Amino acid sequence: MAATARAGKSTAVQAEEAWTEEEFAAVRSRLDKENDELRADIARSESQIASGDITDGAGDDQADAGAKTYEREREIALTLNTRDLLAQNERAIARIDAGTYGVCESCHKPIGKERLKAFPRATLCVACKQREERR
């Protein structure tokens, strides 16, 4: 089904050097491997966060309590960032399956292989991404 979906790509994507099945498979494999690592990181972080007993701070002075709170909030923020990265990877895989990988979500032009090889989660071409960052 994925190969059939990719066969119907727009001519804009085909105007650039077309992606081969091997290239799609390599990107998907890279994303799958990264997802496994991200899931392990999330599980490890959540375990550390959950094991932080509320009574740990009993008897701490304000500086110690503040440092512990800061570390806990930092760990939560890092876990949320990791979850976001995982979601981006899963979205990229869904785009591969749907045959829309490599197409800019804004202007619908090709993103470019080199950009996608460097950042396989990209959903915008360089021009659209620059325009978005200027806002």
C-alpha atoms as a PDB file:
ATOM      1  CA  MET A   1       0.000   0.000   0.000  1.00  0.00           C
ATOM      2  CA  ALA A   2       2.793   2.466   0.859  1.00  0.00           C
ATOM      3  CA  ALA A   3       4.481   1.895  -2.492  1.00  0.00           C
ATOM      4  CA  THR A   4       1.182   2.502  -4.263  1.00  0.00           C
ATOM      5  CA  ALA A   5       0.648   5.752  -2.376  1.00  0.00           C
ATOM      6  CA  ARG A   6       4.134   6.954  -3.229  1.00  0.00           C
ATOM      7  CA  ALA A   7       3.638   6.135  -6.901  1.00  0.00           C
ATOM      8  CA  GLY A   8       0.940   8.817  -7.054  1.00  0.00           C
ATOM      9  CA  LYS A   9       3.190  11.657  -5.875  1.00  0.00           C
ATOM     10  CA  SER A  10       2.815  15.086  -7.332  1.00  0.00           C
ATOM     11  CA  THR A  11       5.060  16.151 -10.187  1.00  0.00           C
ATOM     12  CA  ALA A  12       6.635  18.725  -7.851  1.00  0.00           C
ATOM     13  CA  VAL A  13       8.249  15.939  -5.857  1.00  0.00           C
ATOM     14  CA  GLN A  14       9.155  14.035  -9.008  1.00  0.00           C
ATOM     15  CA  ALA A  15      10.807  17.174 -10.454  1.00  0.00           C
ATOM     16  CA  GLU A  16      13.600  16.675  -7.935  1.00  0.00           C
ATOM     17  CA  GLU A  17      15.478  13.409  -7.975  1.00  0.00           C
ATOM     18  CA  ALA A  18      12.857  10.835  -6.994  1.00  0.00           C
ATOM     19  CA  TRP A  19      13.185   8.914  -3.769  1.00  0.00           C
ATOM     20  CA  THR A  20      13.903   5.230  -4.178  1.00  0.00           C
ATOM     21  CA  GLU A  21      12.255   2.517  -2.115  1.00  0.00           C
ATOM     22  CA  GLU A  22      15.668   1.878  -0.508  1.00  0.00           C
ATOM     23  CA  GLU A  23      15.935   5.541   0.542  1.00  0.00           C
ATOM     24  CA  PHE A  24      12.446   5.463   2.061  1.00  0.00           C
ATOM     25  CA  ALA A  25      13.334   2.231   3.852  1.00  0.00           C
ATOM     26  CA  ALA A  26      16.572   3.752   5.176  1.00  0.00           C
ATOM     27  CA  VAL A  27      14.774   6.843   6.516  1.00  0.00           C
ATOM     28  CA  ARG A  28      12.062   4.712   8.069  1.00  0.00           C
ATOM     29  CA  SER A  29      14.650   2.422   9.660  1.00  0.00           C
ATOM     30  CA  ARG A  30      16.530   5.412  11.069  1.00  0.00           C
ATOM     31  CA  LEU A  31      13.313   6.865  12.501  1.00  0.00           C
ATOM     32  CA  ASP A  32      12.221   3.499  13.934  1.00  0.00           C
ATOM     33  CA  LYS A  33      15.589   3.061  15.651  1.00  0.00           C
ATOM     34  CA  GLU A  34      15.465   6.597  17.017  1.00  0.00           C
ATOM     35  CA  ASN A  35      11.902   5.988  18.249  1.00  0.00           C
ATOM     36  CA  ASP A  36      13.043   2.918  20.189  1.00  0.00           C
ATOM     37  CA  GLU A  37      15.773   4.998  21.844  1.00  0.00           C
ATOM     38  CA  LEU A  38      13.350   7.841  22.605  1.00  0.00           C
ATOM     39  CA  ARG A  39      10.815   5.458  24.158  1.00  0.00           C
ATOM     40  CA  ALA A  40      13.558   4.005  26.369  1.00  0.00           C
ATOM     41  CA  ASP A  41      14.621   7.535  27.400  1.00  0.00           C
ATOM     42  CA  ILE A  42      11.025   8.452  28.211  1.00  0.00           C
ATOM     43  CA  ALA A  43      10.492   5.308  30.282  1.00  0.00           C
ATOM     44  CA  ARG A  44      13.743   5.913  32.177  1.00  0.00           C
ATOM     45  CA  SER A  45      12.891   9.571  32.843  1.00  0.00           C
ATOM     46  CA  GLU A  46       9.343   8.825  33.923  1.00  0.00           C
ATOM     47  CA  SER A  47      10.643   6.166  36.283  1.00  0.00           C
ATOM     48  CA  GLN A  48      13.080   8.653  37.819  1.00  0.00           C
ATOM     49  CA  ILE A  49      10.383  11.296  38.135  1.00  0.00           C
ATOM     50  CA  ALA A  50       7.927   8.835  39.703  1.00  0.00           C
ATOM     51  CA  SER A  51      10.507   7.536  42.170  1.00  0.00           C
ATOM     52  CA  GLY A  52      11.045  11.035  43.583  1.00  0.00           C
ATOM     53  CA  ASP A  53       9.242  10.650  46.894  1.00  0.00           C
ATOM     54  CA  ILE A  54       7.341  13.710  48.093  1.00  0.00           C
ATOM     55  CA  THR A  55       8.799  13.288  51.548  1.00  0.00           C
ATOM     56  CA  ASP A  56      12.345  13.362  50.147  1.00  0.00           C
ATOM     57  CA  GLY A  57      12.571  17.027  50.985  1.00  0.00           C
ATOM     58  CA  ALA A  58      11.644  16.633  54.648  1.00  0.00           C
ATOM     59  CA  GLY A  59      14.189  18.490  56.709  1.00  0.00           C
ATOM     60  CA  ASP A  60      15.825  20.211  53.723  1.00  0.00           C
ATOM     61  CA  ASP A  61      16.544  23.888  53.894  1.00  0.00           C
ATOM     62  CA  GLN A  62      15.024  26.212  51.300  1.00  0.00           C
ATOM     63  CA  ALA A  63      18.016  26.022  48.961  1.00  0.00           C
ATOM     64  CA  ASP A  64      18.001  22.204  48.926  1.00  0.00           C
ATOM     65  CA  ALA A  65      14.245  22.094  48.390  1.00  0.00           C
ATOM     66  CA  GLY A  66      14.526  24.643  45.593  1.00  0.00           C
ATOM     67  CA  ALA A  67      17.329  22.699  43.908  1.00  0.00           C
ATOM     68  CA  LYS A  68      15.299  19.490  44.055  1.00  0.00           C
ATOM     69  CA  THR A  69      12.238  21.221  42.645  1.00  0.00           C
ATOM     70  CA  TYR A  70      14.333  22.741  39.854  1.00  0.00           C
ATOM     71  CA  GLU A  71      15.835  19.339  38.957  1.00  0.00           C
ATOM     72  CA  ARG A  72      12.422  17.695  38.932  1.00  0.00           C
ATOM     73  CA  GLU A  73      10.932  20.403  36.708  1.00  0.00           C
ATOM     74  CA  ARG A  74      13.951  20.174  34.404  1.00  0.00           C
ATOM     75  CA  GLU A  75      13.529  16.401  34.120  1.00  0.00           C
ATOM     76  CA  ILE A  76       9.829  16.839  33.323  1.00  0.00           C
ATOM     77  CA  ALA A  77      10.642  19.426  30.630  1.00  0.00           C
ATOM     78  CA  LEU A  78      13.244  17.144  29.059  1.00  0.00           C
ATOM     79  CA  THR A  79      10.760  14.274  29.045  1.00  0.00           C
ATOM     80  CA  LEU A  80       8.157  16.468  27.343  1.00  0.00           C
ATOM     81  CA  ASN A  81      10.739  17.471  24.711  1.00  0.00           C
ATOM     82  CA  THR A  82      11.570  13.815  24.117  1.00  0.00           C
ATOM     83  CA  ARG A  83       7.856  13.015  23.729  1.00  0.00           C
ATOM     84  CA  ASP A  84       7.574  15.829  21.169  1.00  0.00           C
ATOM     85  CA  LEU A  85      10.523  14.437  19.204  1.00  0.00           C
ATOM     86  CA  LEU A  86       8.910  10.994  19.253  1.00  0.00           C
ATOM     87  CA  ALA A  87       5.665  12.474  17.919  1.00  0.00           C
ATOM     88  CA  GLN A  88       7.567  14.236  15.119  1.00  0.00           C
ATOM     89  CA  ASN A  89       9.258  10.953  14.173  1.00  0.00           C
ATOM     90  CA  GLU A  90       5.936   9.114  14.166  1.00  0.00           C
ATOM     91  CA  ARG A  91       4.454  11.838  11.978  1.00  0.00           C
ATOM     92  CA  ALA A  92       7.355  11.494   9.526  1.00  0.00           C
ATOM     93  CA  ILE A  93       6.751   7.742   9.339  1.00  0.00           C
ATOM     94  CA  ALA A  94       3.047   8.369   8.713  1.00  0.00           C
ATOM     95  CA  ARG A  95       3.999  10.765   5.892  1.00  0.00           C
ATOM     96  CA  ILE A  96       6.216   8.077   4.359  1.00  0.00           C
ATOM     97  CA  ASP A  97       3.301   5.621   4.516  1.00  0.00           C
ATOM     98  CA  ALA A  98       0.899   8.181   3.044  1.00  0.00           C
ATOM     99  CA  GLY A  99       3.245   9.086   0.191  1.00  0.00           C
ATOM    100  CA  THR A 100       3.560  12.725   1.277  1.00  0.00           C
ATOM    101  CA  TYR A 101       7.067  12.533   2.753  1.00  0.00           C
ATOM    102  CA  GLY A 102       9.332  15.151   1.223  1.00  0.00           C
ATOM    103  CA  VAL A 103       6.510  17.563   0.340  1.00  0.00           C
ATOM    104  CA  CYS A 104       6.383  20.922   2.124  1.00  0.00           C
ATOM    105  CA  GLU A 105       3.188  21.256   4.156  1.00  0.00           C
ATOM    106  CA  SER A 106       3.018  24.974   3.395  1.00  0.00           C
ATOM    107  CA  CYS A 107       3.863  25.464  -0.295  1.00  0.00           C
ATOM    108  CA  HIS A 108       3.563  21.809  -1.418  1.00  0.00           C
ATOM    109  CA  LYS A 109       6.932  21.915  -3.171  1.00  0.00           C
ATOM    110  CA  PRO A 110       9.690  19.349  -2.582  1.00  0.00           C
ATOM    111  CA  ILE A 111      11.612  19.769   0.665  1.00  0.00           C
ATOM    112  CA  GLY A 112      14.873  18.459  -0.735  1.00  0.00           C
ATOM    113  CA  LYS A 113      16.718  15.257  -0.021  1.00  0.00           C
ATOM    114  CA  GLU A 114      19.706  16.861   1.666  1.00  0.00           C
ATOM    115  CA  ARG A 115      17.498  18.681   4.180  1.00  0.00           C
ATOM    116  CA  LEU A 116      15.571  15.490   4.892  1.00  0.00           C
ATOM    117  CA  LYS A 117      18.754  13.464   5.234  1.00  0.00           C
ATOM    118  CA  ALA A 118      20.007  15.979   7.810  1.00  0.00           C
ATOM    119  CA  PHE A 119      16.626  16.405   9.513  1.00  0.00           C
ATOM    120  CA  PRO A 120      14.230  13.584   8.555  1.00  0.00           C
ATOM    121  CA  ARG A 121      11.380  15.106  10.589  1.00  0.00           C
ATOM    122  CA  ALA A 122      11.226  18.239   8.428  1.00  0.00           C
ATOM    123  CA  THR A 123       7.745  19.161   7.227  1.00  0.00           C
ATOM    124  CA  LEU A 124       8.645  22.494   5.637  1.00  0.00           C
ATOM    125  CA  CYS A 125      11.075  23.415   2.867  1.00  0.00           C
ATOM    126  CA  VAL A 126      13.923  25.778   3.752  1.00  0.00           C
ATOM    127  CA  ALA A 127      12.142  28.866   2.390  1.00  0.00           C
ATOM    128  CA  CYS A 128       8.915  28.188   4.311  1.00  0.00           C
ATOM    129  CA  LYS A 129      10.812  27.345   7.487  1.00  0.00           C
ATOM    130  CA  GLN A 130      12.766  30.620   7.264  1.00  0.00           C
ATOM    131  CA  ARG A 131       9.517  32.512   6.711  1.00  0.00           C
ATOM    132  CA  GLU A 132       7.972  30.787   9.750  1.00  0.00           C
ATOM    133  CA  GLU A 133      10.944  31.645  11.983  1.00  0.00           C
ATOM    134  CA  ARG A 134      10.796  35.326  11.039  1.00  0.00           C
ATOM    135  CA  ARG A 135       7.260  35.634  12.428  1.00  0.00           C
END
